[in-house]
Amino acid sequence: MRPDRRSPDEVGAARETTDRDSVAGRLAAHVEVQDGERACTLFPADADADDLVTEWMTAEGDAFVSVADRR
């Protein structure tokens, strides 16, 4: 699911489990697989619900790889 499609409840749950000071400047990632196609959406880890509407980018297919696969 892309960040712009997250419900306020999902965003709130993420806030409750994250120390805002420790995530400043970091990115969070959400990988979704649908019909065998992967999409990875990156967004600021400390973004609030309003920020998530515009502050994200998505890579699809082979535009991203697993860190474990590269080691």
PDB file of N, CA and C in Angstrom:
ATOM      1  N   MET A   1       0.843  -1.173   0.000  1.00  0.00           N
ATOM      2  CA  MET A   1       0.000   0.000   0.000  1.00  0.00           C
ATOM      3  C   MET A   1       0.890   1.239   0.000  1.00  0.00           C
ATOM      4  N   ARG A   2       0.577   2.194  -0.840  1.00  0.00           N
ATOM      5  CA  ARG A   2       1.344   3.429  -0.905  1.00  0.00           C
ATOM      6  C   ARG A   2       0.982   4.304   0.284  1.00  0.00           C
ATOM      7  N   PRO A   3       1.944   5.131   0.754  1.00  0.00           N
ATOM      8  CA  PRO A   3       1.663   5.987   1.913  1.00  0.00           C
ATOM      9  C   PRO A   3       0.448   6.887   1.724  1.00  0.00           C
ATOM     10  N   ASP A   4       0.191   7.337   0.496  1.00  0.00           N
ATOM     11  CA  ASP A   4      -0.964   8.210   0.296  1.00  0.00           C
ATOM     12  C   ASP A   4      -2.275   7.454   0.438  1.00  0.00           C
ATOM     13  N   ARG A   5      -2.218   6.152   0.567  1.00  0.00           N
ATOM     14  CA  ARG A   5      -3.422   5.343   0.746  1.00  0.00           C
ATOM     15  C   ARG A   5      -3.518   4.779   2.157  1.00  0.00           C
ATOM     16  N   ARG A   6      -2.652   5.206   3.041  1.00  0.00           N
ATOM     17  CA  ARG A   6      -2.694   4.711   4.412  1.00  0.00           C
ATOM     18  C   ARG A   6      -3.829   5.379   5.161  1.00  0.00           C
ATOM     19  N   SER A   7      -4.487   4.600   5.976  1.00  0.00           N
ATOM     20  CA  SER A   7      -5.576   5.162   6.776  1.00  0.00           C
ATOM     21  C   SER A   7      -4.973   5.931   7.947  1.00  0.00           C
ATOM     22  N   PRO A   8      -5.711   6.881   8.496  1.00  0.00           N
ATOM     23  CA  PRO A   8      -5.217   7.600   9.680  1.00  0.00           C
ATOM     24  C   PRO A   8      -4.878   6.658  10.823  1.00  0.00           C
ATOM     25  N   ASP A   9      -5.597   5.534  10.934  1.00  0.00           N
ATOM     26  CA  ASP A   9      -5.298   4.568  11.993  1.00  0.00           C
ATOM     27  C   ASP A   9      -3.927   3.942  11.799  1.00  0.00           C
ATOM     28  N   GLU A  10      -3.563   3.617  10.544  1.00  0.00           N
ATOM     29  CA  GLU A  10      -2.247   3.037  10.274  1.00  0.00           C
ATOM     30  C   GLU A  10      -1.153   4.033  10.590  1.00  0.00           C
ATOM     31  N   VAL A  11      -1.342   5.282  10.209  1.00  0.00           N
ATOM     32  CA  VAL A  11      -0.351   6.313  10.484  1.00  0.00           C
ATOM     33  C   VAL A  11      -0.203   6.499  11.990  1.00  0.00           C
ATOM     34  N   GLY A  12      -1.335   6.528  12.697  1.00  0.00           N
ATOM     35  CA  GLY A  12      -1.296   6.675  14.150  1.00  0.00           C
ATOM     36  C   GLY A  12      -0.582   5.527  14.821  1.00  0.00           C
ATOM     37  N   ALA A  13      -0.789   4.315  14.350  1.00  0.00           N
ATOM     38  CA  ALA A  13      -0.125   3.144  14.930  1.00  0.00           C
ATOM     39  C   ALA A  13       1.381   3.256  14.759  1.00  0.00           C
ATOM     40  N   ALA A  14       1.823   3.735  13.597  1.00  0.00           N
ATOM     41  CA  ALA A  14       3.255   3.899  13.365  1.00  0.00           C
ATOM     42  C   ALA A  14       3.825   4.942  14.320  1.00  0.00           C
ATOM     43  N   ARG A  15       3.102   6.009  14.571  1.00  0.00           N
ATOM     44  CA  ARG A  15       3.570   7.059  15.469  1.00  0.00           C
ATOM     45  C   ARG A  15       3.719   6.539  16.891  1.00  0.00           C
ATOM     46  N   GLU A  16       2.800   5.681  17.311  1.00  0.00           N
ATOM     47  CA  GLU A  16       2.836   5.187  18.680  1.00  0.00           C
ATOM     48  C   GLU A  16       4.042   4.295  18.942  1.00  0.00           C
ATOM     49  N   THR A  17       4.592   3.674  17.920  1.00  0.00           N
ATOM     50  CA  THR A  17       5.681   2.729  18.133  1.00  0.00           C
ATOM     51  C   THR A  17       7.038   3.288  17.718  1.00  0.00           C
ATOM     52  N   THR A  18       7.105   4.592  17.357  1.00  0.00           N
ATOM     53  CA  THR A  18       8.350   5.172  16.870  1.00  0.00           C
ATOM     54  C   THR A  18       8.739   6.381  17.702  1.00  0.00           C
ATOM     55  N   ASP A  19       9.989   6.426  18.140  1.00  0.00           N
ATOM     56  CA  ASP A  19      10.525   7.591  18.831  1.00  0.00           C
ATOM     57  C   ASP A  19      10.838   8.645  17.775  1.00  0.00           C
ATOM     58  N   ARG A  20      10.075   9.705  17.738  1.00  0.00           N
ATOM     59  CA  ARG A  20      10.176  10.727  16.680  1.00  0.00           C
ATOM     60  C   ARG A  20      11.593  11.287  16.557  1.00  0.00           C
ATOM     61  N   ASP A  21      12.294  11.530  17.651  1.00  0.00           N
ATOM     62  CA  ASP A  21      13.644  12.095  17.585  1.00  0.00           C
ATOM     63  C   ASP A  21      14.637  11.141  16.927  1.00  0.00           C
ATOM     64  N   SER A  22      14.464   9.839  17.131  1.00  0.00           N
ATOM     65  CA  SER A  22      15.429   8.880  16.594  1.00  0.00           C
ATOM     66  C   SER A  22      15.226   8.616  15.106  1.00  0.00           C
ATOM     67  N   VAL A  23      14.083   9.010  14.528  1.00  0.00           N
ATOM     68  CA  VAL A  23      13.830   8.741  13.121  1.00  0.00           C
ATOM     69  C   VAL A  23      13.945   9.982  12.237  1.00  0.00           C
ATOM     70  N   ALA A  24      14.217  11.138  12.824  1.00  0.00           N
ATOM     71  CA  ALA A  24      14.323  12.369  12.039  1.00  0.00           C
ATOM     72  C   ALA A  24      15.365  12.203  10.942  1.00  0.00           C
ATOM     73  N   GLY A  25      14.983  12.525   9.717  1.00  0.00           N
ATOM     74  CA  GLY A  25      15.891  12.423   8.586  1.00  0.00           C
ATOM     75  C   GLY A  25      16.001  11.034   7.984  1.00  0.00           C
ATOM     76  N   ARG A  26      15.342  10.054   8.554  1.00  0.00           N
ATOM     77  CA  ARG A  26      15.396   8.683   8.036  1.00  0.00           C
ATOM     78  C   ARG A  26      14.211   8.402   7.137  1.00  0.00           C
ATOM     79  N   LEU A  27      14.366   7.395   6.306  1.00  0.00           N
ATOM     80  CA  LEU A  27      13.287   6.967   5.428  1.00  0.00           C
ATOM     81  C   LEU A  27      12.696   5.656   5.918  1.00  0.00           C
ATOM     82  N   ALA A  28      11.426   5.504   5.711  1.00  0.00           N
ATOM     83  CA  ALA A  28      10.751   4.237   5.946  1.00  0.00           C
ATOM     84  C   ALA A  28      10.395   3.673   4.578  1.00  0.00           C
ATOM     85  N   ALA A  29      10.261   2.370   4.486  1.00  0.00           N
ATOM     86  CA  ALA A  29       9.941   1.726   3.211  1.00  0.00           C
ATOM     87  C   ALA A  29       8.780   0.770   3.392  1.00  0.00           C
ATOM     88  N   HIS A  30       7.970   0.713   2.363  1.00  0.00           N
ATOM     89  CA  HIS A  30       6.870  -0.250   2.332  1.00  0.00           C
ATOM     90  C   HIS A  30       6.940  -0.959   0.984  1.00  0.00           C
ATOM     91  N   VAL A  31       7.101  -2.289   1.011  1.00  0.00           N
ATOM     92  CA  VAL A  31       7.160  -3.074  -0.223  1.00  0.00           C
ATOM     93  C   VAL A  31       5.851  -3.815  -0.375  1.00  0.00           C
ATOM     94  N   GLU A  32       5.273  -3.699  -1.556  1.00  0.00           N
ATOM     95  CA  GLU A  32       4.009  -4.364  -1.857  1.00  0.00           C
ATOM     96  C   GLU A  32       4.210  -5.238  -3.089  1.00  0.00           C
ATOM     97  N   VAL A  33       3.667  -6.443  -3.040  1.00  0.00           N
ATOM     98  CA  VAL A  33       3.727  -7.353  -4.183  1.00  0.00           C
ATOM     99  C   VAL A  33       2.293  -7.615  -4.633  1.00  0.00           C
ATOM    100  N   GLN A  34       2.048  -7.352  -5.914  1.00  0.00           N
ATOM    101  CA  GLN A  34       0.717  -7.581  -6.460  1.00  0.00           C
ATOM    102  C   GLN A  34       0.865  -8.183  -7.847  1.00  0.00           C
ATOM    103  N   ASP A  35       0.266  -9.319  -8.051  1.00  0.00           N
ATOM    104  CA  ASP A  35       0.352 -10.035  -9.332  1.00  0.00           C
ATOM    105  C   ASP A  35       1.807 -10.282  -9.738  1.00  0.00           C
ATOM    106  N   GLY A  36       2.664 -10.573  -8.760  1.00  0.00           N
ATOM    107  CA  GLY A  36       4.061 -10.865  -9.028  1.00  0.00           C
ATOM    108  C   GLY A  36       4.938  -9.647  -9.255  1.00  0.00           C
ATOM    109  N   GLU A  37       4.365  -8.467  -9.285  1.00  0.00           N
ATOM    110  CA  GLU A  37       5.126  -7.222  -9.469  1.00  0.00           C
ATOM    111  C   GLU A  37       5.363  -6.573  -8.115  1.00  0.00           C
ATOM    112  N   ARG A  38       6.605  -6.110  -7.888  1.00  0.00           N
ATOM    113  CA  ARG A  38       6.950  -5.458  -6.630  1.00  0.00           C
ATOM    114  C   ARG A  38       6.970  -3.951  -6.798  1.00  0.00           C
ATOM    115  N   ALA A  39       6.583  -3.252  -5.742  1.00  0.00           N
ATOM    116  CA  ALA A  39       6.684  -1.803  -5.685  1.00  0.00           C
ATOM    117  C   ALA A  39       7.181  -1.439  -4.290  1.00  0.00           C
ATOM    118  N   CYS A  40       8.176  -0.576  -4.226  1.00  0.00           N
ATOM    119  CA  CYS A  40       8.733  -0.131  -2.948  1.00  0.00           C
ATOM    120  C   CYS A  40       8.505   1.369  -2.831  1.00  0.00           C
ATOM    121  N   THR A  41       7.787   1.771  -1.805  1.00  0.00           N
ATOM    122  CA  THR A  41       7.514   3.181  -1.574  1.00  0.00           C
ATOM    123  C   THR A  41       8.335   3.651  -0.390  1.00  0.00           C
ATOM    124  N   LEU A  42       9.084   4.733  -0.586  1.00  0.00           N
ATOM    125  CA  LEU A  42       9.899   5.354   0.459  1.00  0.00           C
ATOM    126  C   LEU A  42       9.217   6.639   0.899  1.00  0.00           C
ATOM    127  N   PHE A  43       9.285   6.905   2.199  1.00  0.00           N
ATOM    128  CA  PHE A  43       8.685   8.119   2.743  1.00  0.00           C
ATOM    129  C   PHE A  43       9.406   8.463   4.031  1.00  0.00           C
ATOM    130  N   PRO A  44       9.376   9.744   4.459  1.00  0.00           N
ATOM    131  CA  PRO A  44      10.054  10.122   5.695  1.00  0.00           C
ATOM    132  C   PRO A  44       9.484   9.350   6.878  1.00  0.00           C
ATOM    133  N   ALA A  45      10.355   8.796   7.677  1.00  0.00           N
ATOM    134  CA  ALA A  45       9.910   7.995   8.820  1.00  0.00           C
ATOM    135  C   ALA A  45       9.163   8.841   9.847  1.00  0.00           C
ATOM    136  N   ASP A  46       9.435  10.139   9.872  1.00  0.00           N
ATOM    137  CA  ASP A  46       8.773  10.995  10.850  1.00  0.00           C
ATOM    138  C   ASP A  46       7.637  11.813  10.240  1.00  0.00           C
ATOM    139  N   ALA A  47       7.156  11.433   9.055  1.00  0.00           N
ATOM    140  CA  ALA A  47       6.089  12.168   8.381  1.00  0.00           C
ATOM    141  C   ALA A  47       4.753  11.996   9.109  1.00  0.00           C
ATOM    142  N   ASP A  48       4.008  13.087   9.163  1.00  0.00           N
ATOM    143  CA  ASP A  48       2.656  12.965   9.712  1.00  0.00           C
ATOM    144  C   ASP A  48       1.687  12.695   8.561  1.00  0.00           C
ATOM    145  N   ALA A  49       0.423  12.541   8.870  1.00  0.00           N
ATOM    146  CA  ALA A  49      -0.568  12.173   7.852  1.00  0.00           C
ATOM    147  C   ALA A  49      -0.630  13.181   6.713  1.00  0.00           C
ATOM    148  N   ASP A  50      -0.493  14.473   7.009  1.00  0.00           N
ATOM    149  CA  ASP A  50      -0.523  15.491   5.962  1.00  0.00           C
ATOM    150  C   ASP A  50       0.703  15.384   5.061  1.00  0.00           C
ATOM    151  N   ASP A  51       1.874  15.138   5.642  1.00  0.00           N
ATOM    152  CA  ASP A  51       3.104  14.998   4.850  1.00  0.00           C
ATOM    153  C   ASP A  51       3.034  13.801   3.908  1.00  0.00           C
ATOM    154  N   LEU A  52       2.417  12.727   4.354  1.00  0.00           N
ATOM    155  CA  LEU A  52       2.372  11.501   3.552  1.00  0.00           C
ATOM    156  C   LEU A  52       1.605  11.663   2.245  1.00  0.00           C
ATOM    157  N   VAL A  53       0.813  12.697   2.141  1.00  0.00           N
ATOM    158  CA  VAL A  53       0.068  12.934   0.906  1.00  0.00           C
ATOM    159  C   VAL A  53       1.020  13.286  -0.239  1.00  0.00           C
ATOM    160  N   THR A  54       2.111  14.008   0.063  1.00  0.00           N
ATOM    161  CA  THR A  54       3.007  14.493  -0.997  1.00  0.00           C
ATOM    162  C   THR A  54       4.458  14.059  -0.870  1.00  0.00           C
ATOM    163  N   GLU A  55       4.884  13.553   0.263  1.00  0.00           N
ATOM    164  CA  GLU A  55       6.291  13.254   0.494  1.00  0.00           C
ATOM    165  C   GLU A  55       6.562  11.756   0.425  1.00  0.00           C
ATOM    166  N   TRP A  56       6.593  11.221  -0.789  1.00  0.00           N
ATOM    167  CA  TRP A  56       6.870   9.807  -0.999  1.00  0.00           C
ATOM    168  C   TRP A  56       7.329   9.606  -2.429  1.00  0.00           C
ATOM    169  N   MET A  57       7.991   8.493  -2.667  1.00  0.00           N
ATOM    170  CA  MET A  57       8.324   8.094  -4.033  1.00  0.00           C
ATOM    171  C   MET A  57       8.278   6.578  -4.110  1.00  0.00           C
ATOM    172  N   THR A  58       7.919   6.077  -5.285  1.00  0.00           N
ATOM    173  CA  THR A  58       7.761   4.643  -5.470  1.00  0.00           C
ATOM    174  C   THR A  58       8.649   4.149  -6.601  1.00  0.00           C
ATOM    175  N   ALA A  59       9.342   3.050  -6.348  1.00  0.00           N
ATOM    176  CA  ALA A  59      10.130   2.359  -7.379  1.00  0.00           C
ATOM    177  C   ALA A  59       9.427   1.041  -7.658  1.00  0.00           C
ATOM    178  N   GLU A  60       9.382   0.674  -8.934  1.00  0.00           N
ATOM    179  CA  GLU A  60       8.684  -0.552  -9.314  1.00  0.00           C
ATOM    180  C   GLU A  60       9.615  -1.519 -10.026  1.00  0.00           C
ATOM    181  N   GLY A  61       9.216  -2.809 -10.008  1.00  0.00           N
ATOM    182  CA  GLY A  61       9.955  -3.833 -10.749  1.00  0.00           C
ATOM    183  C   GLY A  61      11.375  -4.006 -10.253  1.00  0.00           C
ATOM    184  N   ASP A  62      12.332  -3.985 -11.190  1.00  0.00           N
ATOM    185  CA  ASP A  62      13.735  -4.205 -10.816  1.00  0.00           C
ATOM    186  C   ASP A  62      14.468  -2.905 -10.518  1.00  0.00           C
ATOM    187  N   ALA A  63      13.742  -1.818 -10.246  1.00  0.00           N
ATOM    188  CA  ALA A  63      14.363  -0.538  -9.904  1.00  0.00           C
ATOM    189  C   ALA A  63      14.902  -0.523  -8.475  1.00  0.00           C
ATOM    190  N   PHE A  64      14.638  -1.568  -7.706  1.00  0.00           N
ATOM    191  CA  PHE A  64      15.177  -1.683  -6.353  1.00  0.00           C
ATOM    192  C   PHE A  64      15.484  -3.143  -6.070  1.00  0.00           C
ATOM    193  N   VAL A  65      16.399  -3.368  -5.118  1.00  0.00           N
ATOM    194  CA  VAL A  65      16.797  -4.726  -4.753  1.00  0.00           C
ATOM    195  C   VAL A  65      16.874  -4.844  -3.248  1.00  0.00           C
ATOM    196  N   SER A  66      16.818  -6.034  -2.758  1.00  0.00           N
ATOM    197  CA  SER A  66      16.969  -6.304  -1.338  1.00  0.00           C
ATOM    198  C   SER A  66      18.423  -6.116  -0.925  1.00  0.00           C
ATOM    199  N   VAL A  67      18.640  -5.507   0.233  1.00  0.00           N
ATOM    200  CA  VAL A  67      20.006  -5.359   0.755  1.00  0.00           C
ATOM    201  C   VAL A  67      20.627  -6.730   0.962  1.00  0.00           C
ATOM    202  N   ALA A  68      19.843  -7.678   1.467  1.00  0.00           N
ATOM    203  CA  ALA A  68      20.352  -9.034   1.706  1.00  0.00           C
ATOM    204  C   ALA A  68      20.825  -9.670   0.422  1.00  0.00           C
ATOM    205  N   ASP A  69      20.130  -9.406  -0.704  1.00  0.00           N
ATOM    206  CA  ASP A  69      20.540  -9.961  -1.980  1.00  0.00           C
ATOM    207  C   ASP A  69      21.858  -9.380  -2.474  1.00  0.00           C
ATOM    208  N   ARG A  70      22.193  -8.187  -2.044  1.00  0.00           N
ATOM    209  CA  ARG A  70      23.424  -7.516  -2.493  1.00  0.00           C
ATOM    210  C   ARG A  70      24.637  -7.856  -1.626  1.00  0.00           C
ATOM    211  N   ARG A  71      24.423  -8.459  -0.498  1.00  0.00           N
ATOM    212  CA  ARG A  71      25.556  -8.779   0.381  1.00  0.00           C
ATOM    213  C   ARG A  71      26.263 -10.010  -0.068  1.00  0.00           C
TER     214      ARG A  71
END
